[in-house]
């Protein structure tokens, strides 16, 4: 390779590197602008949402279900964190509930983070509990779940789970995620 070819190759490589850095910095600016715009999106309120059951799971005395939260409004809204869960009896009266947050037997907890939901988009939280193995174990019987979405100042959603026994009243929820 001649000295002139080496110089041209070095210049070409330098040009590509500069072009790559420029593209990367422009991409970061665009991403930063989206983040700033996303910060302007208001929190989802109960009237903006629908909440329902998704996939159910069972295994090793564990029961689980995905709680799906959908933006039904005509504009974007944001949601962040974990749903609050209350066990209800057949008459919709609260029963003792020890709600916990984190990973369940079925799904890893993604951790709380702000998510912007465009109209029609949804997120889900996995709820799980242990089914008692004997009638004398500490348990409550629940027929419904009351769900409050994080950040909402109004609105609650009641979901039927049919008559089920929950060991030690413990329900674990993962953070809402896509």
C-alpha atoms as a PDB file:
ATOM      1  CA  UNK A   1       0.000   0.000   0.000  1.00  0.00           C
ATOM      2  CA  UNK A   2       1.393   3.396  -0.933  1.00  0.00           C
ATOM      3  CA  UNK A   3       1.617   6.393   1.342  1.00  0.00           C
ATOM      4  CA  UNK A   4      -1.132   8.198  -0.620  1.00  0.00           C
ATOM      5  CA  UNK A   5      -3.507   5.232  -0.318  1.00  0.00           C
ATOM      6  CA  UNK A   6      -2.875   5.036   3.435  1.00  0.00           C
ATOM      7  CA  UNK A   7      -3.688   8.727   3.804  1.00  0.00           C
ATOM      8  CA  UNK A   8      -6.915   8.363   1.781  1.00  0.00           C
ATOM      9  CA  UNK A   9      -7.915   5.273   3.795  1.00  0.00           C
ATOM     10  CA  UNK A  10      -7.247   7.104   7.074  1.00  0.00           C
ATOM     11  CA  UNK A  11      -9.282  10.097   5.875  1.00  0.00           C
ATOM     12  CA  UNK A  12     -12.153   7.831   4.808  1.00  0.00           C
ATOM     13  CA  UNK A  13     -12.170   6.037   8.165  1.00  0.00           C
ATOM     14  CA  UNK A  14     -12.039   9.383  10.004  1.00  0.00           C
ATOM     15  CA  UNK A  15     -14.925  10.682   7.899  1.00  0.00           C
ATOM     16  CA  UNK A  16     -17.027   7.621   8.682  1.00  0.00           C
ATOM     17  CA  UNK A  17     -16.267   7.963  12.384  1.00  0.00           C
ATOM     18  CA  UNK A  18     -17.273  11.648  12.358  1.00  0.00           C
ATOM     19  CA  UNK A  19     -20.446  10.818  10.416  1.00  0.00           C
ATOM     20  CA  UNK A  20     -21.268   8.102  12.947  1.00  0.00           C
ATOM     21  CA  UNK A  21     -20.735  10.451  15.884  1.00  0.00           C
ATOM     22  CA  UNK A  22     -22.899  13.104  14.226  1.00  0.00           C
ATOM     23  CA  UNK A  23     -25.680  10.580  13.606  1.00  0.00           C
ATOM     24  CA  UNK A  24     -25.423   9.315  17.177  1.00  0.00           C
ATOM     25  CA  UNK A  25     -25.581  12.796  18.651  1.00  0.00           C
ATOM     26  CA  UNK A  26     -28.561  13.696  16.430  1.00  0.00           C
ATOM     27  CA  UNK A  27     -30.288  10.486  17.555  1.00  0.00           C
ATOM     28  CA  UNK A  28     -29.681  11.394  21.190  1.00  0.00           C
ATOM     29  CA  UNK A  29     -31.148  14.837  20.616  1.00  0.00           C
ATOM     30  CA  UNK A  30     -34.253  13.345  19.035  1.00  0.00           C
ATOM     31  CA  UNK A  31     -34.590  10.859  21.879  1.00  0.00           C
ATOM     32  CA  UNK A  32     -34.090  13.694  24.365  1.00  0.00           C
ATOM     33  CA  UNK A  33     -36.813  15.732  22.660  1.00  0.00           C
ATOM     34  CA  UNK A  34     -39.198  12.780  22.894  1.00  0.00           C
ATOM     35  CA  UNK A  35     -38.408  12.461  26.574  1.00  0.00           C
ATOM     36  CA  UNK A  36     -39.145  16.155  27.135  1.00  0.00           C
ATOM     37  CA  UNK A  37     -42.414  15.813  25.200  1.00  0.00           C
ATOM     38  CA  UNK A  38     -43.269  12.666  27.151  1.00  0.00           C
ATOM     39  CA  UNK A  39     -42.762  14.594  30.401  1.00  0.00           C
ATOM     40  CA  UNK A  40     -45.640  16.873  29.306  1.00  0.00           C
ATOM     41  CA  UNK A  41     -48.078  13.935  29.035  1.00  0.00           C
ATOM     42  CA  UNK A  42     -50.554  13.929  31.959  1.00  0.00           C
ATOM     43  CA  UNK A  43     -51.035  10.956  34.268  1.00  0.00           C
ATOM     44  CA  UNK A  44     -53.729   8.485  33.248  1.00  0.00           C
ATOM     45  CA  UNK A  45     -56.935   8.874  35.243  1.00  0.00           C
ATOM     46  CA  UNK A  46     -59.623   6.287  35.861  1.00  0.00           C
ATOM     47  CA  UNK A  47     -61.844   7.757  33.132  1.00  0.00           C
ATOM     48  CA  UNK A  48     -58.976   7.288  30.618  1.00  0.00           C
ATOM     49  CA  UNK A  49     -58.570   3.570  31.275  1.00  0.00           C
ATOM     50  CA  UNK A  50     -60.114   0.153  31.121  1.00  0.00           C
ATOM     51  CA  UNK A  51     -58.790  -2.684  33.255  1.00  0.00           C
ATOM     52  CA  UNK A  52     -59.349  -6.376  32.643  1.00  0.00           C
ATOM     53  CA  UNK A  53     -57.930  -9.852  33.056  1.00  0.00           C
ATOM     54  CA  UNK A  54     -55.340 -11.154  30.666  1.00  0.00           C
ATOM     55  CA  UNK A  55     -53.496 -14.464  30.654  1.00  0.00           C
ATOM     56  CA  UNK A  56     -53.853 -16.693  33.728  1.00  0.00           C
ATOM     57  CA  UNK A  57     -51.188 -18.984  35.181  1.00  0.00           C
ATOM     58  CA  UNK A  58     -51.056 -21.914  37.608  1.00  0.00           C
ATOM     59  CA  UNK A  59     -48.288 -24.081  39.027  1.00  0.00           C
ATOM     60  CA  UNK A  60     -46.972 -25.509  42.317  1.00  0.00           C
ATOM     61  CA  UNK A  61     -49.906 -24.139  44.389  1.00  0.00           C
ATOM     62  CA  UNK A  62     -49.364 -20.739  42.785  1.00  0.00           C
ATOM     63  CA  UNK A  63     -52.023 -18.839  40.855  1.00  0.00           C
ATOM     64  CA  UNK A  64     -51.468 -15.795  38.726  1.00  0.00           C
ATOM     65  CA  UNK A  65     -53.054 -13.512  36.195  1.00  0.00           C
ATOM     66  CA  UNK A  66     -52.103 -10.545  34.116  1.00  0.00           C
ATOM     67  CA  UNK A  67     -54.061  -7.380  34.788  1.00  0.00           C
ATOM     68  CA  UNK A  68     -54.233  -5.436  31.514  1.00  0.00           C
ATOM     69  CA  UNK A  69     -54.628  -1.645  31.631  1.00  0.00           C
ATOM     70  CA  UNK A  70     -55.655   0.034  28.343  1.00  0.00           C
ATOM     71  CA  UNK A  71     -55.762   3.735  27.460  1.00  0.00           C
ATOM     72  CA  UNK A  72     -59.317   4.296  26.169  1.00  0.00           C
ATOM     73  CA  UNK A  73     -58.983   8.094  25.920  1.00  0.00           C
ATOM     74  CA  UNK A  74     -58.469  10.075  22.719  1.00  0.00           C
ATOM     75  CA  UNK A  75     -55.080  11.371  23.880  1.00  0.00           C
ATOM     76  CA  UNK A  76     -51.895   9.970  25.374  1.00  0.00           C
ATOM     77  CA  UNK A  77     -51.552   9.602  29.129  1.00  0.00           C
ATOM     78  CA  UNK A  78     -48.766   8.276  31.349  1.00  0.00           C
ATOM     79  CA  UNK A  79     -48.682   5.592  34.002  1.00  0.00           C
ATOM     80  CA  UNK A  80     -45.910   4.690  36.427  1.00  0.00           C
ATOM     81  CA  UNK A  81     -45.544   2.001  39.036  1.00  0.00           C
ATOM     82  CA  UNK A  82     -47.571  -0.746  40.626  1.00  0.00           C
ATOM     83  CA  UNK A  83     -51.334  -1.225  40.848  1.00  0.00           C
ATOM     84  CA  UNK A  84     -52.895  -1.312  44.306  1.00  0.00           C
ATOM     85  CA  UNK A  85     -54.804  -4.555  44.826  1.00  0.00           C
ATOM     86  CA  UNK A  86     -57.571  -5.259  47.340  1.00  0.00           C
ATOM     87  CA  UNK A  87     -59.243  -8.650  47.688  1.00  0.00           C
ATOM     88  CA  UNK A  88     -63.055  -8.501  47.833  1.00  0.00           C
ATOM     89  CA  UNK A  89     -65.628 -11.032  48.966  1.00  0.00           C
ATOM     90  CA  UNK A  90     -68.721 -12.053  46.965  1.00  0.00           C
ATOM     91  CA  UNK A  91     -70.566  -8.911  48.154  1.00  0.00           C
ATOM     92  CA  UNK A  92     -67.644  -6.678  47.086  1.00  0.00           C
ATOM     93  CA  UNK A  93     -66.601  -6.020  50.686  1.00  0.00           C
ATOM     94  CA  UNK A  94     -62.841  -5.786  51.290  1.00  0.00           C
ATOM     95  CA  UNK A  95     -61.141  -8.717  52.976  1.00  0.00           C
ATOM     96  CA  UNK A  96     -57.739  -8.493  54.595  1.00  0.00           C
ATOM     97  CA  UNK A  97     -55.127  -8.064  51.861  1.00  0.00           C
ATOM     98  CA  UNK A  98     -51.357  -8.066  52.274  1.00  0.00           C
ATOM     99  CA  UNK A  99     -50.224  -6.609  48.978  1.00  0.00           C
ATOM    100  CA  UNK A 100     -46.574  -6.863  48.042  1.00  0.00           C
ATOM    101  CA  UNK A 101     -44.650  -5.568  45.043  1.00  0.00           C
ATOM    102  CA  UNK A 102     -41.933  -7.313  43.075  1.00  0.00           C
ATOM    103  CA  UNK A 103     -41.379 -10.497  41.099  1.00  0.00           C
ATOM    104  CA  UNK A 104     -44.015 -13.213  41.168  1.00  0.00           C
ATOM    105  CA  UNK A 105     -43.683 -16.961  40.725  1.00  0.00           C
ATOM    106  CA  UNK A 106     -44.552 -16.419  37.053  1.00  0.00           C
ATOM    107  CA  UNK A 107     -42.893 -13.152  36.000  1.00  0.00           C
ATOM    108  CA  UNK A 108     -39.874 -11.030  36.873  1.00  0.00           C
ATOM    109  CA  UNK A 109     -40.614  -7.537  38.127  1.00  0.00           C
ATOM    110  CA  UNK A 110     -39.469  -5.005  35.501  1.00  0.00           C
ATOM    111  CA  UNK A 111     -39.360  -2.239  38.125  1.00  0.00           C
ATOM    112  CA  UNK A 112     -41.436   0.913  38.156  1.00  0.00           C
ATOM    113  CA  UNK A 113     -40.902   3.307  35.271  1.00  0.00           C
ATOM    114  CA  UNK A 114     -42.977   5.942  33.540  1.00  0.00           C
ATOM    115  CA  UNK A 115     -44.763   4.682  30.417  1.00  0.00           C
ATOM    116  CA  UNK A 116     -46.623   6.871  27.937  1.00  0.00           C
ATOM    117  CA  UNK A 117     -49.722   5.124  26.604  1.00  0.00           C
ATOM    118  CA  UNK A 118     -51.055   6.298  23.272  1.00  0.00           C
ATOM    119  CA  UNK A 119     -54.795   5.766  22.693  1.00  0.00           C
ATOM    120  CA  UNK A 120     -55.507   2.029  22.483  1.00  0.00           C
ATOM    121  CA  UNK A 121     -52.144   0.957  23.926  1.00  0.00           C
ATOM    122  CA  UNK A 122     -51.935  -1.209  27.024  1.00  0.00           C
ATOM    123  CA  UNK A 123     -49.622  -2.350  29.797  1.00  0.00           C
ATOM    124  CA  UNK A 124     -49.921  -5.265  32.206  1.00  0.00           C
ATOM    125  CA  UNK A 125     -49.049  -6.238  35.754  1.00  0.00           C
ATOM    126  CA  UNK A 126     -48.755  -9.843  36.857  1.00  0.00           C
ATOM    127  CA  UNK A 127     -50.637 -10.591  40.085  1.00  0.00           C
ATOM    128  CA  UNK A 128     -49.912 -13.807  41.923  1.00  0.00           C
ATOM    129  CA  UNK A 129     -50.899 -15.555  45.127  1.00  0.00           C
ATOM    130  CA  UNK A 130     -50.455 -18.943  46.757  1.00  0.00           C
ATOM    131  CA  UNK A 131     -53.385 -21.333  46.929  1.00  0.00           C
ATOM    132  CA  UNK A 132     -53.537 -23.057  50.355  1.00  0.00           C
ATOM    133  CA  UNK A 133     -52.806 -26.785  50.441  1.00  0.00           C
ATOM    134  CA  UNK A 134     -54.972 -27.596  53.488  1.00  0.00           C
ATOM    135  CA  UNK A 135     -58.255 -26.168  54.824  1.00  0.00           C
ATOM    136  CA  UNK A 136     -56.728 -25.265  58.201  1.00  0.00           C
ATOM    137  CA  UNK A 137     -54.016 -23.017  56.721  1.00  0.00           C
ATOM    138  CA  UNK A 138     -54.454 -19.243  57.207  1.00  0.00           C
ATOM    139  CA  UNK A 139     -56.416 -17.975  54.226  1.00  0.00           C
ATOM    140  CA  UNK A 140     -59.130 -15.654  52.991  1.00  0.00           C
ATOM    141  CA  UNK A 141     -61.744 -16.315  50.343  1.00  0.00           C
ATOM    142  CA  UNK A 142     -62.035 -13.718  47.610  1.00  0.00           C
ATOM    143  CA  UNK A 143     -64.379 -13.433  44.649  1.00  0.00           C
ATOM    144  CA  UNK A 144     -63.175 -10.159  43.122  1.00  0.00           C
ATOM    145  CA  UNK A 145     -60.160  -7.875  42.922  1.00  0.00           C
ATOM    146  CA  UNK A 146     -60.325  -4.111  43.290  1.00  0.00           C
ATOM    147  CA  UNK A 147     -57.590  -2.459  41.248  1.00  0.00           C
ATOM    148  CA  UNK A 148     -56.407   1.139  41.605  1.00  0.00           C
ATOM    149  CA  UNK A 149     -53.990   2.224  38.910  1.00  0.00           C
ATOM    150  CA  UNK A 150     -50.909   4.142  40.049  1.00  0.00           C
ATOM    151  CA  UNK A 151     -51.125   7.917  39.804  1.00  0.00           C
ATOM    152  CA  UNK A 152     -54.879   8.004  39.157  1.00  0.00           C
ATOM    153  CA  UNK A 153     -56.746  10.335  41.476  1.00  0.00           C
ATOM    154  CA  UNK A 154     -60.097   8.709  40.804  1.00  0.00           C
ATOM    155  CA  UNK A 155     -61.479   5.441  39.551  1.00  0.00           C
ATOM    156  CA  UNK A 156     -61.287   1.890  40.704  1.00  0.00           C
ATOM    157  CA  UNK A 157     -61.830  -1.267  38.747  1.00  0.00           C
ATOM    158  CA  UNK A 158     -63.420  -4.466  40.051  1.00  0.00           C
ATOM    159  CA  UNK A 159     -62.511  -7.726  38.338  1.00  0.00           C
ATOM    160  CA  UNK A 160     -64.176 -11.070  39.100  1.00  0.00           C
ATOM    161  CA  UNK A 161     -61.794 -13.869  40.062  1.00  0.00           C
ATOM    162  CA  UNK A 162     -64.524 -16.263  41.121  1.00  0.00           C
ATOM    163  CA  UNK A 163     -64.399 -17.835  44.536  1.00  0.00           C
ATOM    164  CA  UNK A 164     -60.788 -18.550  45.396  1.00  0.00           C
ATOM    165  CA  UNK A 165     -58.746 -19.081  48.538  1.00  0.00           C
ATOM    166  CA  UNK A 166     -55.676 -16.907  49.026  1.00  0.00           C
ATOM    167  CA  UNK A 167     -53.012 -18.160  51.440  1.00  0.00           C
ATOM    168  CA  UNK A 168     -52.215 -15.628  54.183  1.00  0.00           C
ATOM    169  CA  UNK A 169     -54.082 -12.920  52.216  1.00  0.00           C
ATOM    170  CA  UNK A 170     -50.857 -12.277  50.259  1.00  0.00           C
ATOM    171  CA  UNK A 171     -51.014 -10.916  46.726  1.00  0.00           C
ATOM    172  CA  UNK A 172     -47.867  -9.879  44.839  1.00  0.00           C
ATOM    173  CA  UNK A 173     -47.928  -7.512  41.859  1.00  0.00           C
ATOM    174  CA  UNK A 174     -45.244  -6.657  39.323  1.00  0.00           C
ATOM    175  CA  UNK A 175     -44.878  -3.123  38.000  1.00  0.00           C
ATOM    176  CA  UNK A 176     -46.926  -2.205  34.966  1.00  0.00           C
ATOM    177  CA  UNK A 177     -44.958  -2.852  31.785  1.00  0.00           C
ATOM    178  CA  UNK A 178     -45.443  -3.395  28.058  1.00  0.00           C
END
